């Protein structure tokens, strides 16, 4: 994917995740049950080296854009956002994100980051469709995607196991013809 990609909004800047971003904060996020509640990484403890290996793997993938979400106020890394895998043949890609800094939850920063990367995917890369999937109980992510005009394409029943029970996966998408 493009080298040195930077996307900037009023409050956040998106840039490539670097192995130097893997610090105490990042390690804390990946091992915090509240932060990783809806992440597949939650099933085992994440060491700093595990996280660095993941960052290297994502940055080396030809069909993935893996970006750090930088809160411009204080110039701090607060989470990540990923587009991928990207199918050039079918002109679609899947978006996922997390905000690790819980004190910044609910402030619209995830929405701004998702909007920046979605618009980049639809306008600059020329994808026709950006998809996202989230747990039915993940009200934060569901709110972000709904606010940005992602439509519900379907529901995969009893798709995830979370906190001792099965949960549905809400499948969402935004199409090039629906961008703002």
Protein backbone atom coordinates (compact mmCIF):
# COMPACT_ATOMS: atom_id res chain seq x y z
CA UNK A 1 0.00 0.00 0.00
CA UNK A 2 1.12 3.63 -0.31
CA UNK A 3 4.32 4.61 1.51
CA UNK A 4 4.13 7.40 4.07
CA UNK A 5 0.36 7.77 3.82
CA UNK A 6 -0.93 10.56 6.07
CA UNK A 7 -4.59 11.49 6.39
CA UNK A 8 -5.52 14.50 8.48
CA UNK A 9 -8.76 15.71 10.00
CA UNK A 10 -9.54 18.48 12.49
CA UNK A 11 -8.69 16.37 15.57
CA UNK A 12 -6.82 13.30 14.37
CA UNK A 13 -4.00 12.44 12.04
CA UNK A 14 -3.60 8.96 10.57
CA UNK A 15 -0.12 7.71 9.70
CA UNK A 16 1.61 4.34 9.39
CA UNK A 17 1.98 2.45 12.67
CA UNK A 18 5.68 2.17 13.49
CA UNK A 19 7.33 -0.43 15.72
CA UNK A 20 8.45 2.52 17.88
CA UNK A 21 4.73 3.14 18.62
CA UNK A 22 4.71 -0.14 20.55
CA UNK A 23 5.32 1.22 24.03
CA UNK A 24 3.86 0.81 27.53
CA UNK A 25 0.57 2.44 26.50
CA UNK A 26 0.08 0.21 23.44
CA UNK A 27 0.98 -2.87 25.51
CA UNK A 28 -1.51 -1.79 28.20
CA UNK A 29 -4.30 -1.33 25.60
CA UNK A 30 -3.80 -4.77 24.10
CA UNK A 31 -4.05 -6.41 27.53
CA UNK A 32 -6.90 -4.30 28.93
CA UNK A 33 -10.14 -6.34 28.99
CA UNK A 34 -12.24 -3.22 28.37
CA UNK A 35 -10.18 -2.13 25.35
CA UNK A 36 -9.79 -5.57 23.78
CA UNK A 37 -13.26 -6.86 24.64
CA UNK A 38 -14.23 -7.04 20.96
CA UNK A 39 -10.79 -7.87 19.55
CA UNK A 40 -9.65 -11.34 18.57
CA UNK A 41 -6.33 -10.67 20.31
CA UNK A 42 -8.08 -10.88 23.68
CA UNK A 43 -7.76 -14.65 23.87
CA UNK A 44 -4.12 -14.51 24.96
CA UNK A 45 -1.81 -12.09 26.69
CA UNK A 46 0.07 -9.82 24.29
CA UNK A 47 3.76 -9.16 24.90
CA UNK A 48 5.54 -6.11 23.51
CA UNK A 49 7.35 -8.40 21.05
CA UNK A 50 4.02 -9.99 19.95
CA UNK A 51 2.68 -6.53 19.20
CA UNK A 52 5.83 -5.48 17.33
CA UNK A 53 5.65 -8.66 15.25
CA UNK A 54 2.02 -7.86 14.40
CA UNK A 55 2.94 -4.29 13.39
CA UNK A 56 5.73 -5.60 11.12
CA UNK A 57 3.38 -8.16 9.58
CA UNK A 58 0.67 -5.55 8.89
CA UNK A 59 3.16 -3.06 7.46
CA UNK A 60 4.57 -5.74 5.16
CA UNK A 61 1.19 -6.87 3.83
CA UNK A 62 0.55 -5.69 0.26
CA UNK A 63 -3.24 -5.60 0.72
CA UNK A 64 -3.48 -3.80 4.07
CA UNK A 65 -3.32 -0.16 5.17
CA UNK A 66 -2.47 -0.09 8.89
CA UNK A 67 -2.48 3.34 10.49
CA UNK A 68 -1.95 4.88 13.91
CA UNK A 69 -4.64 7.25 15.13
CA UNK A 70 -2.82 10.31 16.46
CA UNK A 71 -4.77 12.74 18.61
CA UNK A 72 -3.52 16.11 17.41
CA UNK A 73 -4.08 17.73 20.80
CA UNK A 74 -0.91 16.50 22.49
CA UNK A 75 0.34 14.60 19.41
CA UNK A 76 -0.35 11.24 21.07
CA UNK A 77 -0.96 7.78 19.60
CA UNK A 78 -4.41 6.75 20.89
CA UNK A 79 -5.33 3.72 18.77
CA UNK A 80 -5.15 2.13 15.34
CA UNK A 81 -7.25 1.74 12.22
CA UNK A 82 -6.86 -0.83 9.46
CA UNK A 83 -8.23 -1.21 5.95
CA UNK A 84 -7.75 -4.72 4.69
CA UNK A 85 -7.57 -7.07 3.26
CA UNK A 86 -8.22 -4.98 0.17
CA UNK A 87 -9.42 -6.82 -2.91
CA UNK A 88 -8.38 -4.92 -6.03
CA UNK A 89 -10.35 -7.40 -8.13
CA UNK A 90 -13.63 -6.91 -6.28
CA UNK A 91 -12.79 -3.31 -5.30
CA UNK A 92 -13.63 -3.72 -1.63
CA UNK A 93 -11.88 -3.69 1.73
CA UNK A 94 -12.78 -4.17 5.37
CA UNK A 95 -12.22 -1.49 7.99
CA UNK A 96 -11.56 -2.05 11.69
CA UNK A 97 -10.33 0.19 14.48
CA UNK A 98 -9.84 0.63 18.19
CA UNK A 99 -9.25 3.55 20.51
CA UNK A 100 -6.95 2.40 23.30
CA UNK A 101 -7.12 5.53 25.41
CA UNK A 102 -10.39 5.04 27.29
CA UNK A 103 -10.44 8.66 28.50
CA UNK A 104 -10.99 9.63 24.85
CA UNK A 105 -13.90 7.25 24.17
CA UNK A 106 -17.10 8.95 23.09
CA UNK A 107 -15.40 12.12 21.81
CA UNK A 108 -15.91 11.45 18.08
CA UNK A 109 -12.26 10.61 17.38
CA UNK A 110 -13.02 7.10 16.12
CA UNK A 111 -15.73 8.51 13.84
CA UNK A 112 -13.30 11.05 12.42
CA UNK A 113 -10.64 8.36 11.82
CA UNK A 114 -13.10 5.95 10.19
CA UNK A 115 -14.48 8.74 8.02
CA UNK A 116 -10.98 9.76 6.86
CA UNK A 117 -9.98 6.22 5.91
CA UNK A 118 -13.36 5.37 4.38
CA UNK A 119 -13.25 8.45 2.14
CA UNK A 120 -9.65 7.67 1.18
CA UNK A 121 -10.66 4.12 0.24
CA UNK A 122 -13.66 5.20 -1.82
CA UNK A 123 -12.17 8.31 -3.44
CA UNK A 124 -8.43 7.73 -3.74
CA UNK A 125 -8.09 3.96 -4.00
CA UNK A 126 -11.34 3.67 -5.96
CA UNK A 127 -12.93 0.94 -3.90
CA UNK A 128 -16.64 0.52 -4.50
CA UNK A 129 -17.38 -0.88 -1.07
CA UNK A 130 -15.91 -0.65 2.41
CA UNK A 131 -17.19 -3.26 4.85
CA UNK A 132 -17.13 -3.54 8.63
CA UNK A 133 -18.30 -6.13 11.07
CA UNK A 134 -18.91 -5.72 14.76
CA UNK A 135 -20.39 -7.47 17.73
CA UNK A 136 -24.06 -6.66 18.27
CA UNK A 137 -23.30 -5.46 21.83
CA UNK A 138 -20.49 -3.13 20.69
CA UNK A 139 -22.56 0.03 20.90
CA UNK A 140 -19.56 2.32 20.31
CA UNK A 141 -18.56 0.76 16.99
CA UNK A 142 -22.14 0.35 15.86
CA UNK A 143 -22.74 4.06 16.59
CA UNK A 144 -19.62 5.07 14.61
CA UNK A 145 -20.64 3.11 11.52
CA UNK A 146 -24.28 4.19 11.69
CA UNK A 147 -23.31 7.86 12.08
CA UNK A 148 -21.08 7.61 8.98
CA UNK A 149 -23.78 6.09 6.79
CA UNK A 150 -22.67 2.46 6.81
CA UNK A 151 -25.77 0.38 6.06
CA UNK A 152 -26.55 -2.98 7.65
CA UNK A 153 -26.07 -5.64 4.98
CA UNK A 154 -26.94 -8.51 7.23
CA UNK A 155 -26.55 -10.21 10.55
CA UNK A 156 -24.56 -13.36 11.18
CA UNK A 157 -26.37 -15.02 14.04
CA UNK A 158 -24.42 -16.40 17.01
CA UNK A 159 -21.15 -15.59 15.26
CA UNK A 160 -18.94 -14.64 18.24
CA UNK A 161 -18.42 -15.98 21.72
CA UNK A 162 -18.05 -13.11 24.18
CA UNK A 163 -18.20 -13.08 27.96
CA UNK A 164 -19.74 -16.51 28.18
CA UNK A 165 -22.43 -16.10 25.53
CA UNK A 166 -22.90 -16.14 21.78
CA UNK A 167 -23.32 -12.85 19.98
CA UNK A 168 -24.44 -11.78 16.54
CA UNK A 169 -22.13 -10.05 14.07
CA UNK A 170 -23.58 -6.94 12.45
CA UNK A 171 -22.29 -6.69 8.86
CA UNK A 172 -22.14 -3.13 7.56
CA UNK A 173 -20.99 -1.47 4.37
CA UNK A 174 -20.56 1.90 2.77
CA UNK A 175 -20.60 2.17 -1.01
CA UNK A 176 -18.86 4.60 -3.32
CA UNK A 177 -22.24 5.90 -4.50
CA UNK A 178 -23.18 6.70 -0.88
CA UNK A 179 -20.11 8.70 0.12
CA UNK A 180 -20.77 12.19 1.29
